[in-house]
Amino acid sequence: MKFPLLTSTMTLLLCIIAVPTTAQENTAELKYFTAAPLNGSRPVSLIALSIEHSLDYPRVISMKGRVEIKAPVCLPVGKKGASVCDGEMIVHADEAEFHEDTGEIQARGNVRIIPLRHRT
């Protein structure tokens, strides 16, 4: 008779313990960083749970967890070939590296790309 009550109590205790760890994952604080590519293009917005980089410039910036990269889209369509920046490319991934010297993005794990989102 005591075993069903003990089993029910243990199950309830495990459920109570498991909930806070799941909640902590969802409320982890995102980090924000702005990178300036060496090629002179406009700054790129980097967002992730973890962002690591060296102090040297140009550098490779490593991001992990809920990565979002917003890079401006600029095309030479203005007068005399002047660049017009109207929107941004958005990359979502589990992990990514951004190379400031080339502006290259290497994304891994559940990668989604929005090639052009116009600013409103």
PDB file of N, CA and C in Angstrom:
ATOM      1  N   MET A   1       0.812  -1.189   0.000  1.00  0.00           N
ATOM      2  CA  MET A   1       0.000   0.000   0.000  1.00  0.00           C
ATOM      3  C   MET A   1       0.861   1.261   0.000  1.00  0.00           C
ATOM      4  N   LYS A   2       1.989   1.226   0.648  1.00  0.00           N
ATOM      5  CA  LYS A   2       2.848   2.398   0.744  1.00  0.00           C
ATOM      6  C   LYS A   2       3.555   2.691  -0.562  1.00  0.00           C
ATOM      7  N   PHE A   3       3.774   1.701  -1.411  1.00  0.00           N
ATOM      8  CA  PHE A   3       4.529   1.904  -2.646  1.00  0.00           C
ATOM      9  C   PHE A   3       3.818   2.818  -3.646  1.00  0.00           C
ATOM     10  N   PRO A   4       2.493   2.682  -3.881  1.00  0.00           N
ATOM     11  CA  PRO A   4       1.837   3.617  -4.823  1.00  0.00           C
ATOM     12  C   PRO A   4       1.927   5.062  -4.346  1.00  0.00           C
ATOM     13  N   LEU A   5       1.807   5.295  -3.067  1.00  0.00           N
ATOM     14  CA  LEU A   5       1.902   6.645  -2.540  1.00  0.00           C
ATOM     15  C   LEU A   5       3.324   7.187  -2.707  1.00  0.00           C
ATOM     16  N   LEU A   6       4.326   6.364  -2.467  1.00  0.00           N
ATOM     17  CA  LEU A   6       5.716   6.757  -2.628  1.00  0.00           C
ATOM     18  C   LEU A   6       6.025   7.055  -4.097  1.00  0.00           C
ATOM     19  N   THR A   7       5.525   6.220  -4.995  1.00  0.00           N
ATOM     20  CA  THR A   7       5.736   6.428  -6.431  1.00  0.00           C
ATOM     21  C   THR A   7       5.086   7.731  -6.885  1.00  0.00           C
ATOM     22  N   SER A   8       3.876   8.000  -6.450  1.00  0.00           N
ATOM     23  CA  SER A   8       3.181   9.235  -6.809  1.00  0.00           C
ATOM     24  C   SER A   8       3.918  10.460  -6.284  1.00  0.00           C
ATOM     25  N   THR A   9       4.418  10.372  -5.078  1.00  0.00           N
ATOM     26  CA  THR A   9       5.158  11.484  -4.480  1.00  0.00           C
ATOM     27  C   THR A   9       6.451  11.747  -5.241  1.00  0.00           C
ATOM     28  N   MET A  10       7.174  10.667  -5.600  1.00  0.00           N
ATOM     29  CA  MET A  10       8.427  10.822  -6.345  1.00  0.00           C
ATOM     30  C   MET A  10       8.170  11.422  -7.727  1.00  0.00           C
ATOM     31  N   THR A  11       7.104  10.987  -8.406  1.00  0.00           N
ATOM     32  CA  THR A  11       6.764  11.515  -9.728  1.00  0.00           C
ATOM     33  C   THR A  11       6.443  12.998  -9.637  1.00  0.00           C
ATOM     34  N   LEU A  12       5.661  13.391  -8.659  1.00  0.00           N
ATOM     35  CA  LEU A  12       5.318  14.791  -8.465  1.00  0.00           C
ATOM     36  C   LEU A  12       6.559  15.612  -8.156  1.00  0.00           C
ATOM     37  N   LEU A  13       7.448  15.101  -7.326  1.00  0.00           N
ATOM     38  CA  LEU A  13       8.682  15.798  -6.984  1.00  0.00           C
ATOM     39  C   LEU A  13       9.561  15.996  -8.220  1.00  0.00           C
ATOM     40  N   LEU A  14       9.687  14.978  -9.065  1.00  0.00           N
ATOM     41  CA  LEU A  14      10.476  15.091 -10.293  1.00  0.00           C
ATOM     42  C   LEU A  14       9.890  16.124 -11.239  1.00  0.00           C
ATOM     43  N   CYS A  15       8.579  16.196 -11.341  1.00  0.00           N
ATOM     44  CA  CYS A  15       7.928  17.204 -12.198  1.00  0.00           C
ATOM     45  C   CYS A  15       8.208  18.612 -11.685  1.00  0.00           C
ATOM     46  N   ILE A  16       8.158  18.787 -10.392  1.00  0.00           N
ATOM     47  CA  ILE A  16       8.414  20.104  -9.804  1.00  0.00           C
ATOM     48  C   ILE A  16       9.867  20.513 -10.039  1.00  0.00           C
ATOM     49  N   ILE A  17      10.799  19.591  -9.923  1.00  0.00           N
ATOM     50  CA  ILE A  17      12.209  19.892 -10.125  1.00  0.00           C
ATOM     51  C   ILE A  17      12.500  20.175 -11.593  1.00  0.00           C
ATOM     52  N   ALA A  18      11.847  19.478 -12.515  1.00  0.00           N
ATOM     53  CA  ALA A  18      12.129  19.617 -13.945  1.00  0.00           C
ATOM     54  C   ALA A  18      11.642  20.949 -14.512  1.00  0.00           C
ATOM     55  N   VAL A  19      10.587  21.507 -13.981  1.00  0.00           N
ATOM     56  CA  VAL A  19      10.022  22.732 -14.540  1.00  0.00           C
ATOM     57  C   VAL A  19      10.976  23.921 -14.474  1.00  0.00           C
ATOM     58  N   PRO A  20      11.627  24.214 -13.351  1.00  0.00           N
ATOM     59  CA  PRO A  20      12.516  25.369 -13.317  1.00  0.00           C
ATOM     60  C   PRO A  20      13.676  25.303 -14.318  1.00  0.00           C
ATOM     61  N   THR A  21      14.258  24.130 -14.576  1.00  0.00           N
ATOM     62  CA  THR A  21      15.364  24.069 -15.519  1.00  0.00           C
ATOM     63  C   THR A  21      14.890  24.385 -16.934  1.00  0.00           C
ATOM     64  N   THR A  22      13.704  23.935 -17.307  1.00  0.00           N
ATOM     65  CA  THR A  22      13.153  24.258 -18.625  1.00  0.00           C
ATOM     66  C   THR A  22      12.876  25.749 -18.712  1.00  0.00           C
ATOM     67  N   ALA A  23      12.338  26.322 -17.675  1.00  0.00           N
ATOM     68  CA  ALA A  23      12.036  27.759 -17.671  1.00  0.00           C
ATOM     69  C   ALA A  23      13.319  28.584 -17.777  1.00  0.00           C
ATOM     70  N   GLN A  24      14.390  28.140 -17.141  1.00  0.00           N
ATOM     71  CA  GLN A  24      15.649  28.876 -17.206  1.00  0.00           C
ATOM     72  C   GLN A  24      16.200  28.909 -18.621  1.00  0.00           C
ATOM     73  N   GLU A  25      16.073  27.811 -19.367  1.00  0.00           N
ATOM     74  CA  GLU A  25      16.551  27.783 -20.746  1.00  0.00           C
ATOM     75  C   GLU A  25      15.824  28.814 -21.593  1.00  0.00           C
ATOM     76  N   ASN A  26      14.532  28.939 -21.417  1.00  0.00           N
ATOM     77  CA  ASN A  26      13.723  29.843 -22.233  1.00  0.00           C
ATOM     78  C   ASN A  26      13.936  31.306 -21.887  1.00  0.00           C
ATOM     79  N   THR A  27      14.391  31.602 -20.682  1.00  0.00           N
ATOM     80  CA  THR A  27      14.561  32.989 -20.275  1.00  0.00           C
ATOM     81  C   THR A  27      16.026  33.406 -20.239  1.00  0.00           C
ATOM     82  N   ALA A  28      16.909  32.589 -20.813  1.00  0.00           N
ATOM     83  CA  ALA A  28      18.327  32.954 -20.841  1.00  0.00           C
ATOM     84  C   ALA A  28      18.479  34.279 -21.582  1.00  0.00           C
ATOM     85  N   GLU A  29      19.398  35.089 -21.121  1.00  0.00           N
ATOM     86  CA  GLU A  29      19.563  36.434 -21.656  1.00  0.00           C
ATOM     87  C   GLU A  29      20.375  36.436 -22.950  1.00  0.00           C
ATOM     88  N   LEU A  30      19.817  37.060 -23.970  1.00  0.00           N
ATOM     89  CA  LEU A  30      20.507  37.187 -25.251  1.00  0.00           C
ATOM     90  C   LEU A  30      21.585  38.260 -25.168  1.00  0.00           C
ATOM     91  N   LYS A  31      22.664  38.053 -25.900  1.00  0.00           N
ATOM     92  CA  LYS A  31      23.761  39.026 -25.995  1.00  0.00           C
ATOM     93  C   LYS A  31      23.635  39.739 -27.339  1.00  0.00           C
ATOM     94  N   TYR A  32      24.001  41.004 -27.376  1.00  0.00           N
ATOM     95  CA  TYR A  32      23.927  41.815 -28.592  1.00  0.00           C
ATOM     96  C   TYR A  32      25.317  42.368 -28.909  1.00  0.00           C
ATOM     97  N   PHE A  33      25.666  42.352 -30.208  1.00  0.00           N
ATOM     98  CA  PHE A  33      26.975  42.826 -30.631  1.00  0.00           C
ATOM     99  C   PHE A  33      26.833  43.427 -32.033  1.00  0.00           C
ATOM    100  N   THR A  34      27.529  44.512 -32.298  1.00  0.00           N
ATOM    101  CA  THR A  34      27.536  45.116 -33.624  1.00  0.00           C
ATOM    102  C   THR A  34      28.937  44.962 -34.202  1.00  0.00           C
ATOM    103  N   ALA A  35      29.008  44.368 -35.388  1.00  0.00           N
ATOM    104  CA  ALA A  35      30.292  44.145 -36.045  1.00  0.00           C
ATOM    105  C   ALA A  35      30.419  45.061 -37.245  1.00  0.00           C
ATOM    106  N   ALA A  36      31.634  45.549 -37.479  1.00  0.00           N
ATOM    107  CA  ALA A  36      31.913  46.423 -38.617  1.00  0.00           C
ATOM    108  C   ALA A  36      32.821  45.677 -39.589  1.00  0.00           C
ATOM    109  N   PRO A  37      32.269  45.183 -40.694  1.00  0.00           N
ATOM    110  CA  PRO A  37      33.101  44.460 -41.662  1.00  0.00           C
ATOM    111  C   PRO A  37      34.205  45.339 -42.236  1.00  0.00           C
ATOM    112  N   LEU A  38      35.350  44.744 -42.473  1.00  0.00           N
ATOM    113  CA  LEU A  38      36.513  45.440 -42.995  1.00  0.00           C
ATOM    114  C   LEU A  38      36.283  45.977 -44.413  1.00  0.00           C
ATOM    115  N   ASN A  39      35.380  45.337 -45.172  1.00  0.00           N
ATOM    116  CA  ASN A  39      35.137  45.746 -46.550  1.00  0.00           C
ATOM    117  C   ASN A  39      34.363  47.063 -46.665  1.00  0.00           C
ATOM    118  N   GLY A  40      34.088  47.709 -45.560  1.00  0.00           N
ATOM    119  CA  GLY A  40      33.455  49.020 -45.580  1.00  0.00           C
ATOM    120  C   GLY A  40      31.942  49.008 -45.687  1.00  0.00           C
ATOM    121  N   SER A  41      31.342  47.819 -45.706  1.00  0.00           N
ATOM    122  CA  SER A  41      29.883  47.788 -45.750  1.00  0.00           C
ATOM    123  C   SER A  41      29.323  48.223 -44.393  1.00  0.00           C
ATOM    124  N   ARG A  42      28.062  48.331 -44.318  1.00  0.00           N
ATOM    125  CA  ARG A  42      27.418  48.818 -43.086  1.00  0.00           C
ATOM    126  C   ARG A  42      27.528  47.812 -41.943  1.00  0.00           C
ATOM    127  N   PRO A  43      27.370  48.275 -40.713  1.00  0.00           N
ATOM    128  CA  PRO A  43      27.475  47.387 -39.547  1.00  0.00           C
ATOM    129  C   PRO A  43      26.450  46.252 -39.582  1.00  0.00           C
ATOM    130  N   VAL A  44      26.834  45.128 -38.990  1.00  0.00           N
ATOM    131  CA  VAL A  44      26.006  43.936 -38.930  1.00  0.00           C
ATOM    132  C   VAL A  44      25.616  43.700 -37.479  1.00  0.00           C
ATOM    133  N   SER A  45      24.343  43.407 -37.238  1.00  0.00           N
ATOM    134  CA  SER A  45      23.833  43.158 -35.892  1.00  0.00           C
ATOM    135  C   SER A  45      23.907  41.662 -35.595  1.00  0.00           C
ATOM    136  N   LEU A  46      24.529  41.302 -34.468  1.00  0.00           N
ATOM    137  CA  LEU A  46      24.682  39.915 -34.058  1.00  0.00           C
ATOM    138  C   LEU A  46      23.983  39.711 -32.722  1.00  0.00           C
ATOM    139  N   ILE A  47      23.150  38.682 -32.640  1.00  0.00           N
ATOM    140  CA  ILE A  47      22.418  38.376 -31.416  1.00  0.00           C
ATOM    141  C   ILE A  47      22.535  36.878 -31.165  1.00  0.00           C
ATOM    142  N   ALA A  48      22.835  36.480 -29.919  1.00  0.00           N
ATOM    143  CA  ALA A  48      22.931  35.058 -29.560  1.00  0.00           C
ATOM    144  C   ALA A  48      22.976  34.919 -28.046  1.00  0.00           C
ATOM    145  N   LEU A  49      22.830  33.694 -27.573  1.00  0.00           N
ATOM    146  CA  LEU A  49      22.963  33.441 -26.142  1.00  0.00           C
ATOM    147  C   LEU A  49      24.413  33.569 -25.699  1.00  0.00           C
ATOM    148  N   SER A  50      25.348  33.227 -26.604  1.00  0.00           N
ATOM    149  CA  SER A  50      26.773  33.324 -26.306  1.00  0.00           C
ATOM    150  C   SER A  50      27.488  33.938 -27.505  1.00  0.00           C
ATOM    151  N   ILE A  51      28.282  34.984 -27.263  1.00  0.00           N
ATOM    152  CA  ILE A  51      29.073  35.622 -28.316  1.00  0.00           C
ATOM    153  C   ILE A  51      30.510  35.728 -27.812  1.00  0.00           C
ATOM    154  N   GLU A  52      31.438  35.174 -28.596  1.00  0.00           N
ATOM    155  CA  GLU A  52      32.854  35.211 -28.223  1.00  0.00           C
ATOM    156  C   GLU A  52      33.671  35.769 -29.379  1.00  0.00           C
ATOM    157  N   HIS A  53      34.693  36.570 -29.042  1.00  0.00           N
ATOM    158  CA  HIS A  53      35.581  37.135 -30.063  1.00  0.00           C
ATOM    159  C   HIS A  53      36.880  37.582 -29.414  1.00  0.00           C
ATOM    160  N   SER A  54      37.899  37.747 -30.245  1.00  0.00           N
ATOM    161  CA  SER A  54      39.180  38.243 -29.737  1.00  0.00           C
ATOM    162  C   SER A  54      39.145  39.768 -29.731  1.00  0.00           C
ATOM    163  N   LEU A  55      40.188  40.378 -29.208  1.00  0.00           N
ATOM    164  CA  LEU A  55      40.270  41.837 -29.202  1.00  0.00           C
ATOM    165  C   LEU A  55      40.848  42.380 -30.509  1.00  0.00           C
ATOM    166  N   ASP A  56      41.533  41.520 -31.258  1.00  0.00           N
ATOM    167  CA  ASP A  56      42.135  41.943 -32.519  1.00  0.00           C
ATOM    168  C   ASP A  56      41.056  42.263 -33.559  1.00  0.00           C
ATOM    169  N   TYR A  57      41.393  43.170 -34.490  1.00  0.00           N
ATOM    170  CA  TYR A  57      40.472  43.498 -35.580  1.00  0.00           C
ATOM    171  C   TYR A  57      41.220  43.335 -36.887  1.00  0.00           C
ATOM    172  N   PRO A  58      40.683  42.718 -37.893  1.00  0.00           N
ATOM    173  CA  PRO A  58      39.379  42.040 -37.946  1.00  0.00           C
ATOM    174  C   PRO A  58      39.434  40.700 -37.218  1.00  0.00           C
ATOM    175  N   ARG A  59      38.313  40.253 -36.801  1.00  0.00           N
ATOM    176  CA  ARG A  59      38.251  39.040 -35.990  1.00  0.00           C
ATOM    177  C   ARG A  59      37.147  38.109 -36.490  1.00  0.00           C
ATOM    178  N   VAL A  60      37.166  36.904 -35.994  1.00  0.00           N
ATOM    179  CA  VAL A  60      36.085  35.948 -36.226  1.00  0.00           C
ATOM    180  C   VAL A  60      35.239  35.957 -34.959  1.00  0.00           C
ATOM    181  N   ILE A  61      33.967  36.216 -35.109  1.00  0.00           N
ATOM    182  CA  ILE A  61      33.054  36.293 -33.966  1.00  0.00           C
ATOM    183  C   ILE A  61      32.227  35.009 -33.948  1.00  0.00           C
ATOM    184  N   SER A  62      32.301  34.266 -32.853  1.00  0.00           N
ATOM    185  CA  SER A  62      31.587  32.996 -32.718  1.00  0.00           C
ATOM    186  C   SER A  62      30.336  33.198 -31.875  1.00  0.00           C
ATOM    187  N   MET A  63      29.217  32.658 -32.364  1.00  0.00           N
ATOM    188  CA  MET A  63      27.932  32.782 -31.675  1.00  0.00           C
ATOM    189  C   MET A  63      27.302  31.410 -31.493  1.00  0.00           C
ATOM    190  N   LYS A  64      26.657  31.207 -30.346  1.00  0.00           N
ATOM    191  CA  LYS A  64      25.975  29.941 -30.079  1.00  0.00           C
ATOM    192  C   LYS A  64      24.635  30.223 -29.408  1.00  0.00           C
ATOM    193  N   GLY A  65      23.633  29.439 -29.800  1.00  0.00           N
ATOM    194  CA  GLY A  65      22.322  29.509 -29.170  1.00  0.00           C
ATOM    195  C   GLY A  65      21.455  30.642 -29.668  1.00  0.00           C
ATOM    196  N   ARG A  66      20.376  30.295 -30.334  1.00  0.00           N
ATOM    197  CA  ARG A  66      19.384  31.276 -30.834  1.00  0.00           C
ATOM    198  C   ARG A  66      20.053  32.419 -31.595  1.00  0.00           C
ATOM    199  N   VAL A  67      20.928  32.076 -32.521  1.00  0.00           N
ATOM    200  CA  VAL A  67      21.686  33.064 -33.281  1.00  0.00           C
ATOM    201  C   VAL A  67      20.780  33.794 -34.270  1.00  0.00           C
ATOM    202  N   GLU A  68      20.938  35.109 -34.316  1.00  0.00           N
ATOM    203  CA  GLU A  68      20.267  35.943 -35.322  1.00  0.00           C
ATOM    204  C   GLU A  68      21.283  36.971 -35.818  1.00  0.00           C
ATOM    205  N   ILE A  69      21.480  36.997 -37.123  1.00  0.00           N
ATOM    206  CA  ILE A  69      22.404  37.940 -37.743  1.00  0.00           C
ATOM    207  C   ILE A  69      21.601  38.794 -38.718  1.00  0.00           C
ATOM    208  N   LYS A  70      21.682  40.108 -38.563  1.00  0.00           N
ATOM    209  CA  LYS A  70      21.000  41.035 -39.470  1.00  0.00           C
ATOM    210  C   LYS A  70      22.049  41.841 -40.218  1.00  0.00           C
ATOM    211  N   ALA A  71      22.114  41.608 -41.528  1.00  0.00           N
ATOM    212  CA  ALA A  71      23.087  42.297 -42.375  1.00  0.00           C
ATOM    213  C   ALA A  71      22.335  43.182 -43.365  1.00  0.00           C
ATOM    214  N   PRO A  72      22.727  44.448 -43.501  1.00  0.00           N
ATOM    215  CA  PRO A  72      22.042  45.338 -44.439  1.00  0.00           C
ATOM    216  C   PRO A  72      22.231  44.875 -45.880  1.00  0.00           C
ATOM    217  N   VAL A  73      21.196  45.076 -46.678  1.00  0.00           N
ATOM    218  CA  VAL A  73      21.262  44.765 -48.104  1.00  0.00           C
ATOM    219  C   VAL A  73      21.380  46.089 -48.849  1.00  0.00           C
ATOM    220  N   CYS A  74      22.524  46.290 -49.518  1.00  0.00           N
ATOM    221  CA  CYS A  74      22.789  47.519 -50.256  1.00  0.00           C
ATOM    222  C   CYS A  74      23.090  47.167 -51.714  1.00  0.00           C
ATOM    223  N   LEU A  75      22.398  47.828 -52.625  1.00  0.00           N
ATOM    224  CA  LEU A  75      22.578  47.567 -54.053  1.00  0.00           C
ATOM    225  C   LEU A  75      22.961  48.858 -54.776  1.00  0.00           C
ATOM    226  N   PRO A  76      23.818  48.762 -55.809  1.00  0.00           N
ATOM    227  CA  PRO A  76      24.232  49.961 -56.559  1.00  0.00           C
ATOM    228  C   PRO A  76      23.179  50.368 -57.589  1.00  0.00           C
ATOM    229  N   VAL A  77      22.067  50.928 -57.107  1.00  0.00           N
ATOM    230  CA  VAL A  77      20.973  51.303 -58.005  1.00  0.00           C
ATOM    231  C   VAL A  77      20.670  52.799 -57.958  1.00  0.00           C
ATOM    232  N   GLY A  78      21.406  53.541 -57.169  1.00  0.00           N
ATOM    233  CA  GLY A  78      21.187  54.973 -57.056  1.00  0.00           C
ATOM    234  C   GLY A  78      21.838  55.714 -58.209  1.00  0.00           C
ATOM    235  N   LYS A  79      21.775  57.021 -58.169  1.00  0.00           N
ATOM    236  CA  LYS A  79      22.397  57.854 -59.199  1.00  0.00           C
ATOM    237  C   LYS A  79      23.884  57.601 -59.240  1.00  0.00           C
ATOM    238  N   LYS A  80      24.422  57.419 -60.428  1.00  0.00           N
ATOM    239  CA  LYS A  80      25.849  57.155 -60.656  1.00  0.00           C
ATOM    240  C   LYS A  80      26.335  55.928 -59.891  1.00  0.00           C
ATOM    241  N   GLY A  81      25.462  54.941 -59.756  1.00  0.00           N
ATOM    242  CA  GLY A  81      25.840  53.697 -59.096  1.00  0.00           C
ATOM    243  C   GLY A  81      25.946  53.768 -57.590  1.00  0.00           C
ATOM    244  N   ALA A  82      25.375  54.813 -57.009  1.00  0.00           N
ATOM    245  CA  ALA A  82      25.414  54.940 -55.549  1.00  0.00           C
ATOM    246  C   ALA A  82      24.614  53.806 -54.906  1.00  0.00           C
ATOM    247  N   SER A  83      25.118  53.297 -53.799  1.00  0.00           N
ATOM    248  CA  SER A  83      24.435  52.210 -53.095  1.00  0.00           C
ATOM    249  C   SER A  83      23.194  52.713 -52.379  1.00  0.00           C
ATOM    250  N   VAL A  84      22.139  51.944 -52.527  1.00  0.00           N
ATOM    251  CA  VAL A  84      20.900  52.216 -51.810  1.00  0.00           C
ATOM    252  C   VAL A  84      20.659  51.026 -50.883  1.00  0.00           C
ATOM    253  N   CYS A  85      20.562  51.315 -49.601  1.00  0.00           N
ATOM    254  CA  CYS A  85      20.340  50.266 -48.596  1.00  0.00           C
ATOM    255  C   CYS A  85      18.872  50.285 -48.211  1.00  0.00           C
ATOM    256  N   ASP A  86      18.171  49.225 -48.590  1.00  0.00           N
ATOM    257  CA  ASP A  86      16.737  49.164 -48.325  1.00  0.00           C
ATOM    258  C   ASP A  86      16.384  47.781 -47.827  1.00  0.00           C
ATOM    259  N   GLY A  87      16.693  47.498 -46.617  1.00  0.00           N
ATOM    260  CA  GLY A  87      16.336  46.212 -46.049  1.00  0.00           C
ATOM    261  C   GLY A  87      17.535  45.504 -45.472  1.00  0.00           C
ATOM    262  N   GLU A  88      17.276  44.266 -45.053  1.00  0.00           N
ATOM    263  CA  GLU A  88      18.322  43.483 -44.427  1.00  0.00           C
ATOM    264  C   GLU A  88      18.118  41.999 -44.705  1.00  0.00           C
ATOM    265  N   MET A  89      19.222  41.269 -44.732  1.00  0.00           N
ATOM    266  CA  MET A  89      19.201  39.819 -44.802  1.00  0.00           C
ATOM    267  C   MET A  89      19.268  39.335 -43.357  1.00  0.00           C
ATOM    268  N   ILE A  90      18.465  38.338 -43.033  1.00  0.00           N
ATOM    269  CA  ILE A  90      18.453  37.817 -41.671  1.00  0.00           C
ATOM    270  C   ILE A  90      18.781  36.332 -41.703  1.00  0.00           C
ATOM    271  N   VAL A  91      19.752  35.937 -40.885  1.00  0.00           N
ATOM    272  CA  VAL A  91      20.157  34.540 -40.766  1.00  0.00           C
ATOM    273  C   VAL A  91      19.855  34.089 -39.343  1.00  0.00           C
ATOM    274  N   HIS A  92      19.135  32.980 -39.225  1.00  0.00           N
ATOM    275  CA  HIS A  92      18.884  32.343 -37.928  1.00  0.00           C
ATOM    276  C   HIS A  92      19.616  31.000 -37.933  1.00  0.00           C
ATOM    277  N   ALA A  93      20.247  30.635 -36.827  1.00  0.00           N
ATOM    278  CA  ALA A  93      20.961  29.359 -36.744  1.00  0.00           C
ATOM    279  C   ALA A  93      21.176  28.979 -35.284  1.00  0.00           C
ATOM    280  N   ASP A  94      21.587  27.734 -35.093  1.00  0.00           N
ATOM    281  CA  ASP A  94      21.958  27.291 -33.742  1.00  0.00           C
ATOM    282  C   ASP A  94      23.337  27.813 -33.379  1.00  0.00           C
ATOM    283  N   GLU A  95      24.241  27.841 -34.373  1.00  0.00           N
ATOM    284  CA  GLU A  95      25.599  28.354 -34.186  1.00  0.00           C
ATOM    285  C   GLU A  95      26.026  29.067 -35.455  1.00  0.00           C
ATOM    286  N   ALA A  96      26.926  30.042 -35.319  1.00  0.00           N
ATOM    287  CA  ALA A  96      27.445  30.737 -36.503  1.00  0.00           C
ATOM    288  C   ALA A  96      28.754  31.437 -36.172  1.00  0.00           C
ATOM    289  N   GLU A  97      29.503  31.716 -37.239  1.00  0.00           N
ATOM    290  CA  GLU A  97      30.712  32.537 -37.143  1.00  0.00           C
ATOM    291  C   GLU A  97      30.579  33.656 -38.152  1.00  0.00           C
ATOM    292  N   PHE A  98      30.975  34.858 -37.747  1.00  0.00           N
ATOM    293  CA  PHE A  98      30.973  36.011 -38.638  1.00  0.00           C
ATOM    294  C   PHE A  98      32.411  36.484 -38.789  1.00  0.00           C
ATOM    295  N   HIS A  99      32.883  36.584 -40.035  1.00  0.00           N
ATOM    296  CA  HIS A  99      34.253  36.999 -40.324  1.00  0.00           C
ATOM    297  C   HIS A  99      34.246  38.481 -40.698  1.00  0.00           C
ATOM    298  N   GLU A 100      34.828  39.311 -39.837  1.00  0.00           N
ATOM    299  CA  GLU A 100      34.828  40.756 -40.101  1.00  0.00           C
ATOM    300  C   GLU A 100      35.665  41.137 -41.323  1.00  0.00           C
ATOM    301  N   ASP A 101      36.683  40.343 -41.657  1.00  0.00           N
ATOM    302  CA  ASP A 101      37.529  40.714 -42.798  1.00  0.00           C
ATOM    303  C   ASP A 101      36.805  40.560 -44.132  1.00  0.00           C
ATOM    304  N   THR A 102      35.899  39.581 -44.245  1.00  0.00           N
ATOM    305  CA  THR A 102      35.213  39.338 -45.513  1.00  0.00           C
ATOM    306  C   THR A 102      33.704  39.555 -45.449  1.00  0.00           C
ATOM    307  N   GLY A 103      33.139  39.604 -44.251  1.00  0.00           N
ATOM    308  CA  GLY A 103      31.689  39.691 -44.097  1.00  0.00           C
ATOM    309  C   GLY A 103      31.015  38.335 -44.251  1.00  0.00           C
ATOM    310  N   GLU A 104      31.824  37.270 -44.355  1.00  0.00           N
ATOM    311  CA  GLU A 104      31.291  35.918 -44.548  1.00  0.00           C
ATOM    312  C   GLU A 104      30.631  35.415 -43.270  1.00  0.00           C
ATOM    313  N   ILE A 105      29.508  34.691 -43.458  1.00  0.00           N
ATOM    314  CA  ILE A 105      28.786  34.067 -42.353  1.00  0.00           C
ATOM    315  C   ILE A 105      28.828  32.563 -42.563  1.00  0.00           C
ATOM    316  N   GLN A 106      29.273  31.822 -41.550  1.00  0.00           N
ATOM    317  CA  GLN A 106      29.243  30.364 -41.575  1.00  0.00           C
ATOM    318  C   GLN A 106      28.248  29.927 -40.507  1.00  0.00           C
ATOM    319  N   ALA A 107      27.089  29.439 -40.942  1.00  0.00           N
ATOM    320  CA  ALA A 107      26.020  29.061 -40.021  1.00  0.00           C
ATOM    321  C   ALA A 107      25.866  27.547 -39.993  1.00  0.00           C
ATOM    322  N   ARG A 108      25.513  27.010 -38.799  1.00  0.00           N
ATOM    323  CA  ARG A 108      25.353  25.571 -38.618  1.00  0.00           C
ATOM    324  C   ARG A 108      24.121  25.289 -37.756  1.00  0.00           C
ATOM    325  N   GLY A 109      23.482  24.153 -38.044  1.00  0.00           N
ATOM    326  CA  GLY A 109      22.376  23.676 -37.217  1.00  0.00           C
ATOM    327  C   GLY A 109      21.104  24.487 -37.336  1.00  0.00           C
ATOM    328  N   ASN A 110      20.089  23.926 -37.944  1.00  0.00           N
ATOM    329  CA  ASN A 110      18.770  24.562 -38.079  1.00  0.00           C
ATOM    330  C   ASN A 110      18.898  25.983 -38.644  1.00  0.00           C
ATOM    331  N   VAL A 111      19.489  26.088 -39.810  1.00  0.00           N
ATOM    332  CA  VAL A 111      19.732  27.387 -40.444  1.00  0.00           C
ATOM    333  C   VAL A 111      18.523  27.811 -41.263  1.00  0.00           C
ATOM    334  N   ARG A 112      18.105  29.049 -41.065  1.00  0.00           N
ATOM    335  CA  ARG A 112      17.033  29.665 -41.860  1.00  0.00           C
ATOM    336  C   ARG A 112      17.517  31.033 -42.317  1.00  0.00           C
ATOM    337  N   ILE A 113      17.227  31.363 -43.577  1.00  0.00           N
ATOM    338  CA  ILE A 113      17.672  32.642 -44.129  1.00  0.00           C
ATOM    339  C   ILE A 113      16.482  33.375 -44.731  1.00  0.00           C
ATOM    340  N   ILE A 114      16.352  34.635 -44.367  1.00  0.00           N
ATOM    341  CA  ILE A 114      15.395  35.538 -45.014  1.00  0.00           C
ATOM    342  C   ILE A 114      16.263  36.442 -45.885  1.00  0.00           C
ATOM    343  N   PRO A 115      16.269  36.217 -47.230  1.00  0.00           N
ATOM    344  CA  PRO A 115      17.224  36.930 -48.090  1.00  0.00           C
ATOM    345  C   PRO A 115      17.031  38.434 -48.123  1.00  0.00           C
ATOM    346  N   LEU A 116      15.813  38.908 -47.989  1.00  0.00           N
ATOM    347  CA  LEU A 116      15.579  40.364 -47.987  1.00  0.00           C
ATOM    348  C   LEU A 116      14.290  40.669 -47.249  1.00  0.00           C
ATOM    349  N   ARG A 117      14.419  41.424 -46.191  1.00  0.00           N
ATOM    350  CA  ARG A 117      13.243  41.933 -45.477  1.00  0.00           C
ATOM    351  C   ARG A 117      13.341  43.437 -45.522  1.00  0.00           C
ATOM    352  N   HIS A 118      12.367  44.055 -46.186  1.00  0.00           N
ATOM    353  CA  HIS A 118      12.388  45.519 -46.303  1.00  0.00           C
ATOM    354  C   HIS A 118      12.049  46.152 -44.962  1.00  0.00           C
ATOM    355  N   ARG A 119      12.695  47.245 -44.702  1.00  0.00           N
ATOM    356  CA  ARG A 119      12.411  47.988 -43.466  1.00  0.00           C
ATOM    357  C   ARG A 119      11.106  48.733 -43.640  1.00  0.00           C
ATOM    358  N   THR A 120      10.338  48.774 -42.583  1.00  0.00           N
ATOM    359  CA  THR A 120       9.065  49.484 -42.650  1.00  0.00           C
ATOM    360  C   THR A 120       9.095  50.751 -41.853  1.00  0.00           C
TER     361      THR A 120
END
